[in-house]
Amino acid sequence: MTMNDPFDDRLRAAFAAAEPQDEIDADEFVRRVQGRMGRPNRRRALVIGGAGSTGSAVAGTQLEGFFSNPEFLPTEGMMGQVFAYTSPELLAAGVLALMIAGFAIVIPKAI
């Protein structure tokens, strides 16, 4: 038993109404597909970059509070010296700069 779905009927009608396309050469088809693949999608880069930057900004607002809490910070060694001489704002800005630099490096290679 098959279900009589109105969508199937519309789909069959759309395929029946479609005009058959002329056959194209396989080399022409490959060239056309490769041409589309070679162009970078700028919208995708903007959307991914915007989402990453927004996430970095949200994380940056939380980092200042994290770096101002002395319970979580190391007190000995080189890292203890770094935390002793820098403000929480500077540390949060440094981490944020590293995140943004990471997006700037990775996104163009991924597209």
C-alpha atoms as a PDB file:
ATOM      1  CA  MET A   1       0.000   0.000   0.000  1.00  0.00           C
ATOM      2  CA  THR A   2       1.232   3.427  -0.818  1.00  0.00           C
ATOM      3  CA  MET A   3       0.031   6.603   0.713  1.00  0.00           C
ATOM      4  CA  ASN A   4      -1.541   9.114  -1.647  1.00  0.00           C
ATOM      5  CA  ASP A   5       0.418  12.236  -0.744  1.00  0.00           C
ATOM      6  CA  PRO A   6      -0.486  15.550  -2.426  1.00  0.00           C
ATOM      7  CA  PHE A   7       3.186  16.526  -2.411  1.00  0.00           C
ATOM      8  CA  ASP A   8       4.043  13.497  -4.548  1.00  0.00           C
ATOM      9  CA  ASP A   9       1.377  14.526  -7.039  1.00  0.00           C
ATOM     10  CA  ARG A  10       2.767  18.073  -7.236  1.00  0.00           C
ATOM     11  CA  LEU A  11       6.277  16.718  -7.637  1.00  0.00           C
ATOM     12  CA  ARG A  12       5.235  14.416 -10.472  1.00  0.00           C
ATOM     13  CA  ALA A  13       3.439  17.315 -12.167  1.00  0.00           C
ATOM     14  CA  ALA A  14       6.513  19.542 -11.821  1.00  0.00           C
ATOM     15  CA  PHE A  15       8.747  16.898 -13.408  1.00  0.00           C
ATOM     16  CA  ALA A  16       6.232  16.325 -16.201  1.00  0.00           C
ATOM     17  CA  ALA A  17       6.025  20.075 -16.910  1.00  0.00           C
ATOM     18  CA  ALA A  18       9.782  20.606 -16.889  1.00  0.00           C
ATOM     19  CA  GLU A  19      11.362  21.022 -20.265  1.00  0.00           C
ATOM     20  CA  PRO A  20      14.112  18.577 -21.052  1.00  0.00           C
ATOM     21  CA  GLN A  21      17.468  20.289 -21.159  1.00  0.00           C
ATOM     22  CA  ASP A  22      19.836  19.951 -24.038  1.00  0.00           C
ATOM     23  CA  GLU A  23      22.590  17.476 -23.476  1.00  0.00           C
ATOM     24  CA  ILE A  24      25.889  19.156 -22.711  1.00  0.00           C
ATOM     25  CA  ASP A  25      29.378  17.966 -23.265  1.00  0.00           C
ATOM     26  CA  ALA A  26      31.006  16.287 -20.258  1.00  0.00           C
ATOM     27  CA  ASP A  27      34.088  18.533 -20.513  1.00  0.00           C
ATOM     28  CA  GLU A  28      31.907  21.643 -20.537  1.00  0.00           C
ATOM     29  CA  PHE A  29      30.046  20.389 -17.483  1.00  0.00           C
ATOM     30  CA  VAL A  30      33.309  19.713 -15.615  1.00  0.00           C
ATOM     31  CA  ARG A  31      34.638  23.177 -16.520  1.00  0.00           C
ATOM     32  CA  ARG A  32      31.439  24.827 -15.306  1.00  0.00           C
ATOM     33  CA  VAL A  33      31.444  22.947 -11.989  1.00  0.00           C
ATOM     34  CA  GLN A  34      35.148  23.589 -11.395  1.00  0.00           C
ATOM     35  CA  GLY A  35      34.645  27.270 -12.166  1.00  0.00           C
ATOM     36  CA  ARG A  36      31.975  27.516  -9.491  1.00  0.00           C
ATOM     37  CA  MET A  37      34.135  25.651  -6.985  1.00  0.00           C
ATOM     38  CA  GLY A  38      37.084  27.968  -7.549  1.00  0.00           C
ATOM     39  CA  ARG A  39      35.178  31.085  -6.510  1.00  0.00           C
ATOM     40  CA  PRO A  40      35.213  31.700  -2.757  1.00  0.00           C
ATOM     41  CA  ASN A  41      31.903  32.276  -1.062  1.00  0.00           C
ATOM     42  CA  ARG A  42      32.297  35.710   0.553  1.00  0.00           C
ATOM     43  CA  ARG A  43      29.002  35.539   2.424  1.00  0.00           C
ATOM     44  CA  ARG A  44      30.102  32.348   4.111  1.00  0.00           C
ATOM     45  CA  ALA A  45      33.339  33.977   5.259  1.00  0.00           C
ATOM     46  CA  LEU A  46      31.439  36.962   6.629  1.00  0.00           C
ATOM     47  CA  VAL A  47      28.909  34.803   8.462  1.00  0.00           C
ATOM     48  CA  ILE A  48      31.514  32.473   9.966  1.00  0.00           C
ATOM     49  CA  GLY A  49      33.822  35.365  10.808  1.00  0.00           C
ATOM     50  CA  GLY A  50      30.990  37.354  12.346  1.00  0.00           C
ATOM     51  CA  ALA A  51      29.852  34.410  14.447  1.00  0.00           C
ATOM     52  CA  GLY A  52      33.414  33.740  15.576  1.00  0.00           C
ATOM     53  CA  SER A  53      34.034  37.366  16.413  1.00  0.00           C
ATOM     54  CA  THR A  54      30.774  37.589  18.343  1.00  0.00           C
ATOM     55  CA  GLY A  55      31.691  34.473  20.292  1.00  0.00           C
ATOM     56  CA  SER A  56      35.131  35.894  20.984  1.00  0.00           C
ATOM     57  CA  ALA A  57      33.605  39.135  22.245  1.00  0.00           C
ATOM     58  CA  VAL A  58      31.253  37.255  24.565  1.00  0.00           C
ATOM     59  CA  ALA A  59      34.138  35.129  25.825  1.00  0.00           C
ATOM     60  CA  GLY A  60      36.234  38.280  26.278  1.00  0.00           C
ATOM     61  CA  THR A  61      33.637  39.806  28.572  1.00  0.00           C
ATOM     62  CA  GLN A  62      33.815  36.708  30.753  1.00  0.00           C
ATOM     63  CA  LEU A  63      37.607  36.539  30.757  1.00  0.00           C
ATOM     64  CA  GLU A  64      38.046  39.781  32.678  1.00  0.00           C
ATOM     65  CA  GLY A  65      36.064  38.341  35.582  1.00  0.00           C
ATOM     66  CA  PHE A  66      38.037  35.099  35.370  1.00  0.00           C
ATOM     67  CA  PHE A  67      41.381  36.885  35.439  1.00  0.00           C
ATOM     68  CA  SER A  68      40.325  39.062  38.397  1.00  0.00           C
ATOM     69  CA  ASN A  69      39.579  36.022  40.563  1.00  0.00           C
ATOM     70  CA  PRO A  70      42.791  35.213  42.473  1.00  0.00           C
ATOM     71  CA  GLU A  71      41.687  31.650  43.274  1.00  0.00           C
ATOM     72  CA  PHE A  72      42.154  30.507  39.677  1.00  0.00           C
ATOM     73  CA  LEU A  73      45.430  32.290  38.909  1.00  0.00           C
ATOM     74  CA  PRO A  74      48.842  30.689  39.400  1.00  0.00           C
ATOM     75  CA  THR A  75      51.000  32.347  42.040  1.00  0.00           C
ATOM     76  CA  GLU A  76      54.351  30.700  41.337  1.00  0.00           C
ATOM     77  CA  GLY A  77      56.707  30.602  38.379  1.00  0.00           C
ATOM     78  CA  MET A  78      56.692  32.653  35.217  1.00  0.00           C
ATOM     79  CA  MET A  79      52.897  32.596  34.819  1.00  0.00           C
ATOM     80  CA  GLY A  80      52.543  33.931  38.365  1.00  0.00           C
ATOM     81  CA  GLN A  81      54.805  36.855  37.417  1.00  0.00           C
ATOM     82  CA  VAL A  82      52.756  37.566  34.307  1.00  0.00           C
ATOM     83  CA  PHE A  83      49.549  37.656  36.322  1.00  0.00           C
ATOM     84  CA  ALA A  84      51.150  39.792  39.042  1.00  0.00           C
ATOM     85  CA  TYR A  85      52.286  42.553  36.657  1.00  0.00           C
ATOM     86  CA  THR A  86      49.358  42.741  34.253  1.00  0.00           C
ATOM     87  CA  SER A  87      45.789  43.833  34.822  1.00  0.00           C
ATOM     88  CA  PRO A  88      42.816  41.546  34.168  1.00  0.00           C
ATOM     89  CA  GLU A  89      41.740  43.861  31.341  1.00  0.00           C
ATOM     90  CA  LEU A  90      45.091  43.499  29.599  1.00  0.00           C
ATOM     91  CA  LEU A  91      45.013  39.711  29.923  1.00  0.00           C
ATOM     92  CA  ALA A  92      41.459  39.554  28.545  1.00  0.00           C
ATOM     93  CA  ALA A  93      42.444  41.829  25.657  1.00  0.00           C
ATOM     94  CA  GLY A  94      45.447  39.606  24.902  1.00  0.00           C
ATOM     95  CA  VAL A  95      43.342  36.453  24.812  1.00  0.00           C
ATOM     96  CA  LEU A  96      40.765  38.227  22.652  1.00  0.00           C
ATOM     97  CA  ALA A  97      43.505  39.343  20.255  1.00  0.00           C
ATOM     98  CA  LEU A  98      44.738  35.745  19.991  1.00  0.00           C
ATOM     99  CA  MET A  99      41.211  34.522  19.217  1.00  0.00           C
ATOM    100  CA  ILE A 100      40.685  37.132  16.507  1.00  0.00           C
ATOM    101  CA  ALA A 101      44.109  36.373  15.006  1.00  0.00           C
ATOM    102  CA  GLY A 102      43.168  32.687  14.961  1.00  0.00           C
ATOM    103  CA  PHE A 103      39.992  33.431  13.018  1.00  0.00           C
ATOM    104  CA  ALA A 104      41.913  35.665  10.624  1.00  0.00           C
ATOM    105  CA  ILE A 105      44.353  32.826   9.907  1.00  0.00           C
ATOM    106  CA  VAL A 106      41.923  29.900   9.739  1.00  0.00           C
ATOM    107  CA  ILE A 107      38.898  31.307   7.882  1.00  0.00           C
ATOM    108  CA  PRO A 108      40.629  32.248   4.599  1.00  0.00           C
ATOM    109  CA  LYS A 109      42.204  28.777   4.418  1.00  0.00           C
ATOM    110  CA  ALA A 110      38.888  27.041   5.112  1.00  0.00           C
ATOM    111  CA  ILE A 111      37.095  28.830   2.291  1.00  0.00           C
END
